[in-house]
Amino acid sequence: MTSRVTTMEVRQKLGDILNRVALRQDEFVIERRGKQLAAVVPVERLRQMREMSRCVLLKVFETRRARGMSDSGAMALADEAKHRGRPRRRG
């Protein structure tokens, strides 16, 4: 179950939130002024998300390589994906 909590609630109830994540596998989205800032998820869920990301990325590279993409092209693709995945900074 995913619950939404404010930053103030996290400050007040951190121990309870961590217990719910560890023991009940609950997930929390932390918000400030209605804007989502972060998530608290069980460590195993984080591992699964990272592994899935790796598998998807490897599949993309394998597909591109089969179509004749060079190593330098694959690195450029990875670099582009890395930068697109980051939020843009306000300047």
PDB file of N, CA and C in Angstrom:
ATOM      1  N   MET A   1       0.845  -1.175   0.000  1.00  0.00           N
ATOM      2  CA  MET A   1       0.000   0.000   0.000  1.00  0.00           C
ATOM      3  C   MET A   1       0.895   1.246   0.000  1.00  0.00           C
ATOM      4  N   THR A   2       0.566   2.219  -0.854  1.00  0.00           N
ATOM      5  CA  THR A   2       1.323   3.465  -0.904  1.00  0.00           C
ATOM      6  C   THR A   2       0.510   4.560  -0.246  1.00  0.00           C
ATOM      7  N   SER A   3       1.119   5.220   0.710  1.00  0.00           N
ATOM      8  CA  SER A   3       0.472   6.332   1.412  1.00  0.00           C
ATOM      9  C   SER A   3       1.220   7.617   1.133  1.00  0.00           C
ATOM     10  N   ARG A   4       0.516   8.713   1.210  1.00  0.00           N
ATOM     11  CA  ARG A   4       1.149  10.014   1.044  1.00  0.00           C
ATOM     12  C   ARG A   4       1.286  10.660   2.413  1.00  0.00           C
ATOM     13  N   VAL A   5       2.467  11.215   2.673  1.00  0.00           N
ATOM     14  CA  VAL A   5       2.718  11.904   3.938  1.00  0.00           C
ATOM     15  C   VAL A   5       3.444  13.210   3.647  1.00  0.00           C
ATOM     16  N   THR A   6       3.268  14.170   4.542  1.00  0.00           N
ATOM     17  CA  THR A   6       3.964  15.440   4.392  1.00  0.00           C
ATOM     18  C   THR A   6       5.321  15.362   5.083  1.00  0.00           C
ATOM     19  N   THR A   7       6.167  16.319   4.785  1.00  0.00           N
ATOM     20  CA  THR A   7       7.476  16.347   5.437  1.00  0.00           C
ATOM     21  C   THR A   7       7.327  16.511   6.949  1.00  0.00           C
ATOM     22  N   MET A   8       6.324  17.252   7.377  1.00  0.00           N
ATOM     23  CA  MET A   8       6.100  17.414   8.827  1.00  0.00           C
ATOM     24  C   MET A   8       5.703  16.091   9.461  1.00  0.00           C
ATOM     25  N   GLU A   9       4.859  15.314   8.787  1.00  0.00           N
ATOM     26  CA  GLU A   9       4.467  14.009   9.313  1.00  0.00           C
ATOM     27  C   GLU A   9       5.671  13.082   9.408  1.00  0.00           C
ATOM     28  N   VAL A  10       6.564  13.164   8.429  1.00  0.00           N
ATOM     29  CA  VAL A  10       7.767  12.332   8.461  1.00  0.00           C
ATOM     30  C   VAL A  10       8.605  12.686   9.675  1.00  0.00           C
ATOM     31  N   ARG A  11       8.758  13.975   9.936  1.00  0.00           N
ATOM     32  CA  ARG A  11       9.539  14.403  11.107  1.00  0.00           C
ATOM     33  C   ARG A  11       8.932  13.893  12.407  1.00  0.00           C
ATOM     34  N   GLN A  12       7.608  13.905  12.474  1.00  0.00           N
ATOM     35  CA  GLN A  12       6.927  13.515  13.703  1.00  0.00           C
ATOM     36  C   GLN A  12       6.796  12.001  13.867  1.00  0.00           C
ATOM     37  N   LYS A  13       6.713  11.277  12.753  1.00  0.00           N
ATOM     38  CA  LYS A  13       6.385   9.854  12.813  1.00  0.00           C
ATOM     39  C   LYS A  13       7.407   8.962  12.108  1.00  0.00           C
ATOM     40  N   LEU A  14       8.653   9.383  12.039  1.00  0.00           N
ATOM     41  CA  LEU A  14       9.646   8.632  11.283  1.00  0.00           C
ATOM     42  C   LEU A  14       9.748   7.176  11.743  1.00  0.00           C
ATOM     43  N   GLY A  15       9.796   6.950  13.032  1.00  0.00           N
ATOM     44  CA  GLY A  15       9.906   5.583  13.555  1.00  0.00           C
ATOM     45  C   GLY A  15       8.744   4.711  13.110  1.00  0.00           C
ATOM     46  N   ASP A  16       7.535   5.227  13.188  1.00  0.00           N
ATOM     47  CA  ASP A  16       6.351   4.486  12.779  1.00  0.00           C
ATOM     48  C   ASP A  16       6.384   4.198  11.276  1.00  0.00           C
ATOM     49  N   ILE A  17       6.769   5.192  10.498  1.00  0.00           N
ATOM     50  CA  ILE A  17       6.846   5.019   9.043  1.00  0.00           C
ATOM     51  C   ILE A  17       7.859   3.931   8.701  1.00  0.00           C
ATOM     52  N   LEU A  18       9.039   3.973   9.314  1.00  0.00           N
ATOM     53  CA  LEU A  18      10.061   2.966   9.047  1.00  0.00           C
ATOM     54  C   LEU A  18       9.606   1.569   9.459  1.00  0.00           C
ATOM     55  N   ASN A  19       8.918   1.463  10.578  1.00  0.00           N
ATOM     56  CA  ASN A  19       8.392   0.157  11.002  1.00  0.00           C
ATOM     57  C   ASN A  19       7.380  -0.379   9.997  1.00  0.00           C
ATOM     58  N   ARG A  20       6.496   0.477   9.509  1.00  0.00           N
ATOM     59  CA  ARG A  20       5.496   0.043   8.527  1.00  0.00           C
ATOM     60  C   ARG A  20       6.161  -0.397   7.228  1.00  0.00           C
ATOM     61  N   VAL A  21       7.206   0.302   6.837  1.00  0.00           N
ATOM     62  CA  VAL A  21       7.926  -0.082   5.613  1.00  0.00           C
ATOM     63  C   VAL A  21       8.621  -1.421   5.813  1.00  0.00           C
ATOM     64  N   ALA A  22       9.312  -1.573   6.918  1.00  0.00           N
ATOM     65  CA  ALA A  22      10.094  -2.790   7.168  1.00  0.00           C
ATOM     66  C   ALA A  22       9.207  -4.003   7.461  1.00  0.00           C
ATOM     67  N   LEU A  23       8.162  -3.816   8.224  1.00  0.00           N
ATOM     68  CA  LEU A  23       7.373  -4.954   8.687  1.00  0.00           C
ATOM     69  C   LEU A  23       6.171  -5.276   7.801  1.00  0.00           C
ATOM     70  N   ARG A  24       5.552  -4.246   7.251  1.00  0.00           N
ATOM     71  CA  ARG A  24       4.334  -4.464   6.457  1.00  0.00           C
ATOM     72  C   ARG A  24       4.535  -4.211   4.972  1.00  0.00           C
ATOM     73  N   GLN A  25       5.766  -3.822   4.594  1.00  0.00           N
ATOM     74  CA  GLN A  25       6.083  -3.545   3.194  1.00  0.00           C
ATOM     75  C   GLN A  25       5.273  -2.377   2.629  1.00  0.00           C
ATOM     76  N   ASP A  26       4.834  -1.454   3.506  1.00  0.00           N
ATOM     77  CA  ASP A  26       4.135  -0.260   3.042  1.00  0.00           C
ATOM     78  C   ASP A  26       5.114   0.640   2.305  1.00  0.00           C
ATOM     79  N   GLU A  27       4.594   1.513   1.466  1.00  0.00           N
ATOM     80  CA  GLU A  27       5.393   2.490   0.737  1.00  0.00           C
ATOM     81  C   GLU A  27       4.804   3.872   0.994  1.00  0.00           C
ATOM     82  N   PHE A  28       5.672   4.865   1.060  1.00  0.00           N
ATOM     83  CA  PHE A  28       5.237   6.230   1.329  1.00  0.00           C
ATOM     84  C   PHE A  28       5.810   7.186   0.305  1.00  0.00           C
ATOM     85  N   VAL A  29       4.977   8.114  -0.142  1.00  0.00           N
ATOM     86  CA  VAL A  29       5.427   9.219  -0.978  1.00  0.00           C
ATOM     87  C   VAL A  29       5.411  10.454  -0.081  1.00  0.00           C
ATOM     88  N   ILE A  30       6.564  11.110   0.006  1.00  0.00           N
ATOM     89  CA  ILE A  30       6.707  12.282   0.868  1.00  0.00           C
ATOM     90  C   ILE A  30       6.469  13.533   0.029  1.00  0.00           C
ATOM     91  N   GLU A  31       5.577  14.390   0.535  1.00  0.00           N
ATOM     92  CA  GLU A  31       5.222  15.603  -0.189  1.00  0.00           C
ATOM     93  C   GLU A  31       5.491  16.847   0.647  1.00  0.00           C
ATOM     94  N   ARG A  32       5.797  17.922  -0.058  1.00  0.00           N
ATOM     95  CA  ARG A  32       5.913  19.244   0.573  1.00  0.00           C
ATOM     96  C   ARG A  32       5.078  20.197  -0.271  1.00  0.00           C
ATOM     97  N   ARG A  33       4.101  20.828   0.362  1.00  0.00           N
ATOM     98  CA  ARG A  33       3.183  21.743  -0.321  1.00  0.00           C
ATOM     99  C   ARG A  33       2.529  21.091  -1.535  1.00  0.00           C
ATOM    100  N   GLY A  34       2.193  19.806  -1.409  1.00  0.00           N
ATOM    101  CA  GLY A  34       1.527  19.079  -2.470  1.00  0.00           C
ATOM    102  C   GLY A  34       2.433  18.558  -3.570  1.00  0.00           C
ATOM    103  N   LYS A  35       3.717  18.864  -3.492  1.00  0.00           N
ATOM    104  CA  LYS A  35       4.665  18.404  -4.510  1.00  0.00           C
ATOM    105  C   LYS A  35       5.401  17.167  -3.998  1.00  0.00           C
ATOM    106  N   GLN A  36       5.439  16.120  -4.816  1.00  0.00           N
ATOM    107  CA  GLN A  36       6.124  14.897  -4.423  1.00  0.00           C
ATOM    108  C   GLN A  36       7.627  15.110  -4.436  1.00  0.00           C
ATOM    109  N   LEU A  37       8.282  14.753  -3.312  1.00  0.00           N
ATOM    110  CA  LEU A  37       9.724  14.952  -3.173  1.00  0.00           C
ATOM    111  C   LEU A  37      10.516  13.655  -3.192  1.00  0.00           C
ATOM    112  N   ALA A  38       9.997  12.646  -2.526  1.00  0.00           N
ATOM    113  CA  ALA A  38      10.757  11.405  -2.350  1.00  0.00           C
ATOM    114  C   ALA A  38       9.798  10.275  -2.012  1.00  0.00           C
ATOM    115  N   ALA A  39      10.356   9.070  -1.978  1.00  0.00           N
ATOM    116  CA  ALA A  39       9.566   7.902  -1.600  1.00  0.00           C
ATOM    117  C   ALA A  39      10.371   7.071  -0.607  1.00  0.00           C
ATOM    118  N   VAL A  40       9.657   6.430   0.288  1.00  0.00           N
ATOM    119  CA  VAL A  40      10.268   5.485   1.227  1.00  0.00           C
ATOM    120  C   VAL A  40       9.668   4.125   0.879  1.00  0.00           C
ATOM    121  N   VAL A  41      10.546   3.218   0.463  1.00  0.00           N
ATOM    122  CA  VAL A  41      10.110   1.881   0.045  1.00  0.00           C
ATOM    123  C   VAL A  41      10.984   0.849   0.732  1.00  0.00           C
ATOM    124  N   PRO A  42      10.504  -0.383   0.843  1.00  0.00           N
ATOM    125  CA  PRO A  42      11.335  -1.439   1.410  1.00  0.00           C
ATOM    126  C   PRO A  42      12.601  -1.636   0.563  1.00  0.00           C
ATOM    127  N   VAL A  43      13.687  -2.008   1.203  1.00  0.00           N
ATOM    128  CA  VAL A  43      14.959  -2.184   0.511  1.00  0.00           C
ATOM    129  C   VAL A  43      14.831  -3.213  -0.608  1.00  0.00           C
ATOM    130  N   GLU A  44      14.097  -4.279  -0.387  1.00  0.00           N
ATOM    131  CA  GLU A  44      13.931  -5.297  -1.425  1.00  0.00           C
ATOM    132  C   GLU A  44      13.239  -4.716  -2.653  1.00  0.00           C
ATOM    133  N   ARG A  45      12.282  -3.841  -2.449  1.00  0.00           N
ATOM    134  CA  ARG A  45      11.600  -3.189  -3.580  1.00  0.00           C
ATOM    135  C   ARG A  45      12.589  -2.324  -4.357  1.00  0.00           C
ATOM    136  N   LEU A  46      13.460  -1.615  -3.661  1.00  0.00           N
ATOM    137  CA  LEU A  46      14.484  -0.804  -4.313  1.00  0.00           C
ATOM    138  C   LEU A  46      15.401  -1.685  -5.149  1.00  0.00           C
ATOM    139  N   ARG A  47      15.812  -2.816  -4.602  1.00  0.00           N
ATOM    140  CA  ARG A  47      16.650  -3.761  -5.352  1.00  0.00           C
ATOM    141  C   ARG A  47      15.941  -4.239  -6.620  1.00  0.00           C
ATOM    142  N   GLN A  48      14.659  -4.553  -6.498  1.00  0.00           N
ATOM    143  CA  GLN A  48      13.882  -5.005  -7.654  1.00  0.00           C
ATOM    144  C   GLN A  48      13.808  -3.918  -8.726  1.00  0.00           C
ATOM    145  N   MET A  49      13.576  -2.680  -8.313  1.00  0.00           N
ATOM    146  CA  MET A  49      13.494  -1.579  -9.273  1.00  0.00           C
ATOM    147  C   MET A  49      14.821  -1.377  -9.989  1.00  0.00           C
ATOM    148  N   ARG A  50      15.916  -1.451  -9.243  1.00  0.00           N
ATOM    149  CA  ARG A  50      17.231  -1.292  -9.860  1.00  0.00           C
ATOM    150  C   ARG A  50      17.517  -2.422 -10.845  1.00  0.00           C
ATOM    151  N   GLU A  51      17.188  -3.648 -10.460  1.00  0.00           N
ATOM    152  CA  GLU A  51      17.427  -4.788 -11.333  1.00  0.00           C
ATOM    153  C   GLU A  51      16.582  -4.681 -12.600  1.00  0.00           C
ATOM    154  N   MET A  52      15.341  -4.270 -12.453  1.00  0.00           N
ATOM    155  CA  MET A  52      14.481  -4.114 -13.617  1.00  0.00           C
ATOM    156  C   MET A  52      15.032  -3.038 -14.550  1.00  0.00           C
ATOM    157  N   SER A  53      15.518  -1.954 -13.996  1.00  0.00           N
ATOM    158  CA  SER A  53      16.115  -0.894 -14.811  1.00  0.00           C
ATOM    159  C   SER A  53      17.313  -1.415 -15.585  1.00  0.00           C
ATOM    160  N   ARG A  54      18.155  -2.186 -14.915  1.00  0.00           N
ATOM    161  CA  ARG A  54      19.320  -2.774 -15.596  1.00  0.00           C
ATOM    162  C   ARG A  54      18.888  -3.689 -16.739  1.00  0.00           C
ATOM    163  N   CYS A  55      17.880  -4.525 -16.499  1.00  0.00           N
ATOM    164  CA  CYS A  55      17.417  -5.455 -17.531  1.00  0.00           C
ATOM    165  C   CYS A  55      16.861  -4.709 -18.734  1.00  0.00           C
ATOM    166  N   VAL A  56      16.088  -3.668 -18.496  1.00  0.00           N
ATOM    167  CA  VAL A  56      15.529  -2.887 -19.603  1.00  0.00           C
ATOM    168  C   VAL A  56      16.643  -2.219 -20.382  1.00  0.00           C
ATOM    169  N   LEU A  57      17.599  -1.636 -19.680  1.00  0.00           N
ATOM    170  CA  LEU A  57      18.708  -0.964 -20.356  1.00  0.00           C
ATOM    171  C   LEU A  57      19.524  -1.961 -21.183  1.00  0.00           C
ATOM    172  N   LEU A  58      19.798  -3.134 -20.628  1.00  0.00           N
ATOM    173  CA  LEU A  58      20.542  -4.151 -21.380  1.00  0.00           C
ATOM    174  C   LEU A  58      19.786  -4.587 -22.626  1.00  0.00           C
ATOM    175  N   LYS A  59      18.469  -4.705 -22.503  1.00  0.00           N
ATOM    176  CA  LYS A  59      17.669  -5.104 -23.664  1.00  0.00           C
ATOM    177  C   LYS A  59      17.739  -4.032 -24.749  1.00  0.00           C
ATOM    178  N   VAL A  60      17.692  -2.776 -24.359  1.00  0.00           N
ATOM    179  CA  VAL A  60      17.809  -1.682 -25.338  1.00  0.00           C
ATOM    180  C   VAL A  60      19.165  -1.757 -26.025  1.00  0.00           C
ATOM    181  N   PHE A  61      20.225  -1.933 -25.253  1.00  0.00           N
ATOM    182  CA  PHE A  61      21.560  -2.013 -25.843  1.00  0.00           C
ATOM    183  C   PHE A  61      21.689  -3.211 -26.787  1.00  0.00           C
ATOM    184  N   GLU A  62      21.151  -4.360 -26.373  1.00  0.00           N
ATOM    185  CA  GLU A  62      21.222  -5.539 -27.230  1.00  0.00           C
ATOM    186  C   GLU A  62      20.482  -5.300 -28.543  1.00  0.00           C
ATOM    187  N   THR A  63      19.326  -4.664 -28.470  1.00  0.00           N
ATOM    188  CA  THR A  63      18.551  -4.372 -29.679  1.00  0.00           C
ATOM    189  C   THR A  63      19.315  -3.424 -30.584  1.00  0.00           C
ATOM    190  N   ARG A  64      19.889  -2.380 -29.976  1.00  0.00           N
ATOM    191  CA  ARG A  64      20.652  -1.407 -30.771  1.00  0.00           C
ATOM    192  C   ARG A  64      21.900  -2.047 -31.375  1.00  0.00           C
ATOM    193  N   ARG A  65      22.567  -2.890 -30.616  1.00  0.00           N
ATOM    194  CA  ARG A  65      23.775  -3.550 -31.118  1.00  0.00           C
ATOM    195  C   ARG A  65      23.419  -4.470 -32.290  1.00  0.00           C
ATOM    196  N   ALA A  66      22.286  -5.166 -32.176  1.00  0.00           N
ATOM    197  CA  ALA A  66      21.854  -6.046 -33.260  1.00  0.00           C
ATOM    198  C   ALA A  66      21.576  -5.242 -34.533  1.00  0.00           C
ATOM    199  N   ARG A  67      21.226  -3.980 -34.356  1.00  0.00           N
ATOM    200  CA  ARG A  67      20.971  -3.109 -35.512  1.00  0.00           C
ATOM    201  C   ARG A  67      22.238  -2.406 -35.988  1.00  0.00           C
ATOM    202  N   GLY A  68      23.375  -2.750 -35.375  1.00  0.00           N
ATOM    203  CA  GLY A  68      24.650  -2.215 -35.853  1.00  0.00           C
ATOM    204  C   GLY A  68      25.157  -0.995 -35.107  1.00  0.00           C
ATOM    205  N   MET A  69      24.643  -0.711 -33.910  1.00  0.00           N
ATOM    206  CA  MET A  69      25.132   0.443 -33.160  1.00  0.00           C
ATOM    207  C   MET A  69      26.529   0.142 -32.615  1.00  0.00           C
ATOM    208  N   SER A  70      27.403   1.114 -32.699  1.00  0.00           N
ATOM    209  CA  SER A  70      28.772   0.952 -32.202  1.00  0.00           C
ATOM    210  C   SER A  70      28.804   1.125 -30.688  1.00  0.00           C
ATOM    211  N   ASP A  71      29.942   0.776 -30.086  1.00  0.00           N
ATOM    212  CA  ASP A  71      30.117   0.985 -28.649  1.00  0.00           C
ATOM    213  C   ASP A  71      29.995   2.458 -28.294  1.00  0.00           C
ATOM    214  N   SER A  72      30.591   3.333 -29.114  1.00  0.00           N
ATOM    215  CA  SER A  72      30.507   4.767 -28.820  1.00  0.00           C
ATOM    216  C   SER A  72      29.068   5.259 -28.947  1.00  0.00           C
ATOM    217  N   GLY A  73      28.313   4.694 -29.881  1.00  0.00           N
ATOM    218  CA  GLY A  73      26.898   5.050 -30.015  1.00  0.00           C
ATOM    219  C   GLY A  73      26.103   4.598 -28.799  1.00  0.00           C
ATOM    220  N   ALA A  74      26.433   3.416 -28.289  1.00  0.00           N
ATOM    221  CA  ALA A  74      25.761   2.902 -27.094  1.00  0.00           C
ATOM    222  C   ALA A  74      26.077   3.775 -25.882  1.00  0.00           C
ATOM    223  N   MET A  75      27.316   4.226 -25.763  1.00  0.00           N
ATOM    224  CA  MET A  75      27.681   5.112 -24.650  1.00  0.00           C
ATOM    225  C   MET A  75      26.952   6.442 -24.758  1.00  0.00           C
ATOM    226  N   ALA A  76      26.832   6.967 -25.973  1.00  0.00           N
ATOM    227  CA  ALA A  76      26.106   8.224 -26.175  1.00  0.00           C
ATOM    228  C   ALA A  76      24.638   8.051 -25.791  1.00  0.00           C
ATOM    229  N   LEU A  77      24.051   6.902 -26.147  1.00  0.00           N
ATOM    230  CA  LEU A  77      22.663   6.615 -25.790  1.00  0.00           C
ATOM    231  C   LEU A  77      22.496   6.536 -24.276  1.00  0.00           C
ATOM    232  N   ALA A  78      23.433   5.872 -23.604  1.00  0.00           N
ATOM    233  CA  ALA A  78      23.378   5.762 -22.144  1.00  0.00           C
ATOM    234  C   ALA A  78      23.506   7.130 -21.498  1.00  0.00           C
ATOM    235  N   ASP A  79      24.392   7.963 -22.017  1.00  0.00           N
ATOM    236  CA  ASP A  79      24.587   9.303 -21.467  1.00  0.00           C
ATOM    237  C   ASP A  79      23.323  10.138 -21.645  1.00  0.00           C
ATOM    238  N   GLU A  80      22.705  10.036 -22.809  1.00  0.00           N
ATOM    239  CA  GLU A  80      21.467  10.773 -23.061  1.00  0.00           C
ATOM    240  C   GLU A  80      20.363  10.324 -22.109  1.00  0.00           C
ATOM    241  N   ALA A  81      20.249   9.008 -21.901  1.00  0.00           N
ATOM    242  CA  ALA A  81      19.229   8.473 -20.996  1.00  0.00           C
ATOM    243  C   ALA A  81      19.462   8.960 -19.575  1.00  0.00           C
ATOM    244  N   LYS A  82      20.720   9.012 -19.170  1.00  0.00           N
ATOM    245  CA  LYS A  82      21.055   9.475 -17.822  1.00  0.00           C
ATOM    246  C   LYS A  82      20.603  10.919 -17.638  1.00  0.00           C
ATOM    247  N   HIS A  83      20.874  11.760 -18.620  1.00  0.00           N
ATOM    248  CA  HIS A  83      20.526  13.175 -18.505  1.00  0.00           C
ATOM    249  C   HIS A  83      19.030  13.418 -18.632  1.00  0.00           C
ATOM    250  N   ARG A  84      18.365  12.630 -19.444  1.00  0.00           N
ATOM    251  CA  ARG A  84      16.911  12.780 -19.566  1.00  0.00           C
ATOM    252  C   ARG A  84      16.198  12.336 -18.300  1.00  0.00           C
ATOM    253  N   GLY A  85      16.787  11.401 -17.574  1.00  0.00           N
ATOM    254  CA  GLY A  85      16.169  10.891 -16.353  1.00  0.00           C
ATOM    255  C   GLY A  85      16.288  11.841 -15.178  1.00  0.00           C
ATOM    256  N   ARG A  86      17.154  12.812 -15.285  1.00  0.00           N
ATOM    257  CA  ARG A  86      17.325  13.774 -14.193  1.00  0.00           C
ATOM    258  C   ARG A  86      16.387  14.956 -14.378  1.00  0.00           C
ATOM    259  N   PRO A  87      15.839  15.452 -13.272  1.00  0.00           N
ATOM    260  CA  PRO A  87      14.989  16.643 -13.389  1.00  0.00           C
ATOM    261  C   PRO A  87      15.828  17.856 -13.770  1.00  0.00           C
ATOM    262  N   ARG A  88      15.229  18.739 -14.551  1.00  0.00           N
ATOM    263  CA  ARG A  88      15.951  19.943 -14.954  1.00  0.00           C
ATOM    264  C   ARG A  88      16.002  20.922 -13.792  1.00  0.00           C
ATOM    265  N   ARG A  89      17.138  21.565 -13.670  1.00  0.00           N
ATOM    266  CA  ARG A  89      17.310  22.558 -12.613  1.00  0.00           C
ATOM    267  C   ARG A  89      16.700  23.872 -13.045  1.00  0.00           C
ATOM    268  N   ARG A  90      16.107  24.518 -12.090  1.00  0.00           N
ATOM    269  CA  ARG A  90      15.580  25.852 -12.369  1.00  0.00           C
ATOM    270  C   ARG A  90      16.715  26.852 -12.274  1.00  0.00           C
ATOM    271  N   GLY A  91      16.813  27.702 -13.231  1.00  0.00           N
ATOM    272  CA  GLY A  91      17.944  28.617 -13.249  1.00  0.00           C
ATOM    273  C   GLY A  91      17.567  29.983 -13.143  1.00  0.00           C
TER     274      GLY A  91
END
